[in-house]
């Protein structure tokens, strides 16, 4: 098992239950010889990627009012579009991400 991913998840205090789901998923892939390359979180199914992103960014999500009441998927979309800026506030980064999502949706 690739320990880098699980070291990262532990360092970000991702709950053991979610880590076990991820471990089970990768073990399934290996047991069926589906995947032989190094593990990456983007290899996970979308539902697990959403759970990981929310757990890893829980502090930001709880502090920024923009995320209140959003579905997990909408929260994931915003979090995924955040560009972390050194010295920038979490609220400013979240507002910038929200604006980017609105602009992208309008362009469709």
C-alpha atoms as a PDB file:
ATOM      1  CA  UNK A   1       0.000   0.000   0.000  1.00  0.00           C
ATOM      2  CA  UNK A   2       1.324   3.441  -0.918  1.00  0.00           C
ATOM      3  CA  UNK A   3       1.944   5.006   2.463  1.00  0.00           C
ATOM      4  CA  UNK A   4       2.342   8.572   1.164  1.00  0.00           C
ATOM      5  CA  UNK A   5      -1.383   8.962   0.611  1.00  0.00           C
ATOM      6  CA  UNK A   6      -2.246   7.600   4.026  1.00  0.00           C
ATOM      7  CA  UNK A   7       0.448   9.675   5.733  1.00  0.00           C
ATOM      8  CA  UNK A   8      -1.088  12.717   4.053  1.00  0.00           C
ATOM      9  CA  UNK A   9      -4.608  11.735   5.109  1.00  0.00           C
ATOM     10  CA  UNK A  10      -3.488  11.184   8.720  1.00  0.00           C
ATOM     11  CA  UNK A  11      -1.603  14.494   8.775  1.00  0.00           C
ATOM     12  CA  UNK A  12      -4.784  16.248   7.586  1.00  0.00           C
ATOM     13  CA  UNK A  13      -6.786  14.401  10.271  1.00  0.00           C
ATOM     14  CA  UNK A  14      -9.066  12.624   7.817  1.00  0.00           C
ATOM     15  CA  UNK A  15     -11.269  10.269   9.863  1.00  0.00           C
ATOM     16  CA  UNK A  16     -10.177   6.635  10.022  1.00  0.00           C
ATOM     17  CA  UNK A  17     -13.509   5.521   8.549  1.00  0.00           C
ATOM     18  CA  UNK A  18     -12.846   7.495   5.347  1.00  0.00           C
ATOM     19  CA  UNK A  19      -9.238   6.285   5.235  1.00  0.00           C
ATOM     20  CA  UNK A  20     -10.558   2.717   5.433  1.00  0.00           C
ATOM     21  CA  UNK A  21     -12.946   3.343   2.510  1.00  0.00           C
ATOM     22  CA  UNK A  22     -10.018   4.625   0.460  1.00  0.00           C
ATOM     23  CA  UNK A  23      -7.818   1.696   1.462  1.00  0.00           C
ATOM     24  CA  UNK A  24     -10.609  -0.748   0.534  1.00  0.00           C
ATOM     25  CA  UNK A  25     -11.011   0.898  -2.869  1.00  0.00           C
ATOM     26  CA  UNK A  26      -7.300   0.649  -3.685  1.00  0.00           C
ATOM     27  CA  UNK A  27      -7.124  -2.930  -2.400  1.00  0.00           C
ATOM     28  CA  UNK A  28     -10.018  -3.807  -4.697  1.00  0.00           C
ATOM     29  CA  UNK A  29      -8.140  -2.332  -7.669  1.00  0.00           C
ATOM     30  CA  UNK A  30      -4.995  -4.275  -6.802  1.00  0.00           C
ATOM     31  CA  UNK A  31      -6.836  -7.534  -6.193  1.00  0.00           C
ATOM     32  CA  UNK A  32      -8.272  -7.325  -9.702  1.00  0.00           C
ATOM     33  CA  UNK A  33      -5.005  -6.113 -11.301  1.00  0.00           C
ATOM     34  CA  UNK A  34      -6.797  -2.982 -12.455  1.00  0.00           C
ATOM     35  CA  UNK A  35      -4.198  -0.474 -11.320  1.00  0.00           C
ATOM     36  CA  UNK A  36      -0.450  -0.957 -11.020  1.00  0.00           C
ATOM     37  CA  UNK A  37       0.765   2.643 -10.988  1.00  0.00           C
ATOM     38  CA  UNK A  38       1.519   4.747  -7.896  1.00  0.00           C
ATOM     39  CA  UNK A  39      -1.552   5.823  -5.973  1.00  0.00           C
ATOM     40  CA  UNK A  40      -3.027   9.276  -6.403  1.00  0.00           C
ATOM     41  CA  UNK A  41      -6.119  10.720  -4.781  1.00  0.00           C
ATOM     42  CA  UNK A  42      -7.469  11.716  -8.191  1.00  0.00           C
ATOM     43  CA  UNK A  43      -7.754   7.988  -8.972  1.00  0.00           C
ATOM     44  CA  UNK A  44     -10.585   7.704  -6.446  1.00  0.00           C
ATOM     45  CA  UNK A  45     -14.237   7.687  -7.504  1.00  0.00           C
ATOM     46  CA  UNK A  46     -15.819  11.143  -7.462  1.00  0.00           C
ATOM     47  CA  UNK A  47     -17.789  10.387  -4.296  1.00  0.00           C
ATOM     48  CA  UNK A  48     -14.602   9.611  -2.335  1.00  0.00           C
ATOM     49  CA  UNK A  49     -12.814  12.632  -3.810  1.00  0.00           C
ATOM     50  CA  UNK A  50     -15.658  14.812  -2.530  1.00  0.00           C
ATOM     51  CA  UNK A  51     -15.402  13.288   0.960  1.00  0.00           C
ATOM     52  CA  UNK A  52     -11.619  13.737   1.070  1.00  0.00           C
ATOM     53  CA  UNK A  53     -11.745  17.348  -0.139  1.00  0.00           C
ATOM     54  CA  UNK A  54     -14.365  18.241   2.452  1.00  0.00           C
ATOM     55  CA  UNK A  55     -12.442  16.598   5.288  1.00  0.00           C
ATOM     56  CA  UNK A  56      -9.092  18.085   4.280  1.00  0.00           C
ATOM     57  CA  UNK A  57     -10.649  21.559   4.011  1.00  0.00           C
ATOM     58  CA  UNK A  58     -13.038  21.262   6.965  1.00  0.00           C
ATOM     59  CA  UNK A  59     -11.544  24.244   8.839  1.00  0.00           C
ATOM     60  CA  UNK A  60     -11.920  26.531   5.826  1.00  0.00           C
ATOM     61  CA  UNK A  61     -15.438  25.286   5.134  1.00  0.00           C
ATOM     62  CA  UNK A  62     -16.512  25.924   8.736  1.00  0.00           C
ATOM     63  CA  UNK A  63     -15.024  29.435   8.809  1.00  0.00           C
ATOM     64  CA  UNK A  64     -16.312  30.803   5.503  1.00  0.00           C
ATOM     65  CA  UNK A  65     -20.030  31.655   5.395  1.00  0.00           C
ATOM     66  CA  UNK A  66     -20.106  31.094   1.628  1.00  0.00           C
ATOM     67  CA  UNK A  67     -20.084  27.334   2.231  1.00  0.00           C
ATOM     68  CA  UNK A  68     -23.059  27.306   4.627  1.00  0.00           C
ATOM     69  CA  UNK A  69     -25.928  25.272   3.263  1.00  0.00           C
ATOM     70  CA  UNK A  70     -24.107  24.117   0.131  1.00  0.00           C
ATOM     71  CA  UNK A  71     -24.354  20.513  -0.913  1.00  0.00           C
ATOM     72  CA  UNK A  72     -21.186  18.438  -0.573  1.00  0.00           C
ATOM     73  CA  UNK A  73     -20.795  18.456  -4.364  1.00  0.00           C
ATOM     74  CA  UNK A  74     -21.134  22.246  -4.631  1.00  0.00           C
ATOM     75  CA  UNK A  75     -18.666  22.628  -1.759  1.00  0.00           C
ATOM     76  CA  UNK A  76     -16.266  20.281  -3.565  1.00  0.00           C
ATOM     77  CA  UNK A  77     -16.545  22.307  -6.776  1.00  0.00           C
ATOM     78  CA  UNK A  78     -15.713  25.523  -4.941  1.00  0.00           C
ATOM     79  CA  UNK A  79     -12.872  23.945  -2.963  1.00  0.00           C
ATOM     80  CA  UNK A  80     -11.451  22.386  -6.125  1.00  0.00           C
ATOM     81  CA  UNK A  81     -11.322  25.795  -7.781  1.00  0.00           C
ATOM     82  CA  UNK A  82      -9.669  27.573  -4.885  1.00  0.00           C
ATOM     83  CA  UNK A  83      -6.199  28.785  -5.576  1.00  0.00           C
ATOM     84  CA  UNK A  84      -4.345  29.138  -2.337  1.00  0.00           C
ATOM     85  CA  UNK A  85      -2.648  32.488  -2.070  1.00  0.00           C
ATOM     86  CA  UNK A  86       0.088  33.165   0.418  1.00  0.00           C
ATOM     87  CA  UNK A  87      -1.083  35.868   2.781  1.00  0.00           C
ATOM     88  CA  UNK A  88      -4.593  35.903   1.353  1.00  0.00           C
ATOM     89  CA  UNK A  89      -7.585  35.414   3.619  1.00  0.00           C
ATOM     90  CA  UNK A  90      -9.712  32.317   3.372  1.00  0.00           C
ATOM     91  CA  UNK A  91     -12.797  34.462   2.744  1.00  0.00           C
ATOM     92  CA  UNK A  92     -11.101  36.282  -0.137  1.00  0.00           C
ATOM     93  CA  UNK A  93      -9.958  33.001  -1.674  1.00  0.00           C
ATOM     94  CA  UNK A  94     -13.459  31.535  -1.318  1.00  0.00           C
ATOM     95  CA  UNK A  95     -15.034  34.625  -2.870  1.00  0.00           C
ATOM     96  CA  UNK A  96     -12.592  34.455  -5.781  1.00  0.00           C
ATOM     97  CA  UNK A  97     -13.403  30.776  -6.282  1.00  0.00           C
ATOM     98  CA  UNK A  98     -17.138  31.471  -6.183  1.00  0.00           C
ATOM     99  CA  UNK A  99     -16.737  34.204  -8.779  1.00  0.00           C
ATOM    100  CA  UNK A 100     -14.736  31.842 -11.004  1.00  0.00           C
ATOM    101  CA  UNK A 101     -17.445  29.176 -10.748  1.00  0.00           C
ATOM    102  CA  UNK A 102     -20.181  31.718 -11.615  1.00  0.00           C
ATOM    103  CA  UNK A 103     -18.204  33.000 -14.598  1.00  0.00           C
ATOM    104  CA  UNK A 104     -17.508  29.470 -15.822  1.00  0.00           C
ATOM    105  CA  UNK A 105     -21.200  28.536 -15.464  1.00  0.00           C
ATOM    106  CA  UNK A 106     -22.262  31.664 -17.336  1.00  0.00           C
ATOM    107  CA  UNK A 107     -19.851  30.876 -20.164  1.00  0.00           C
ATOM    108  CA  UNK A 108     -21.477  27.480 -20.799  1.00  0.00           C
END
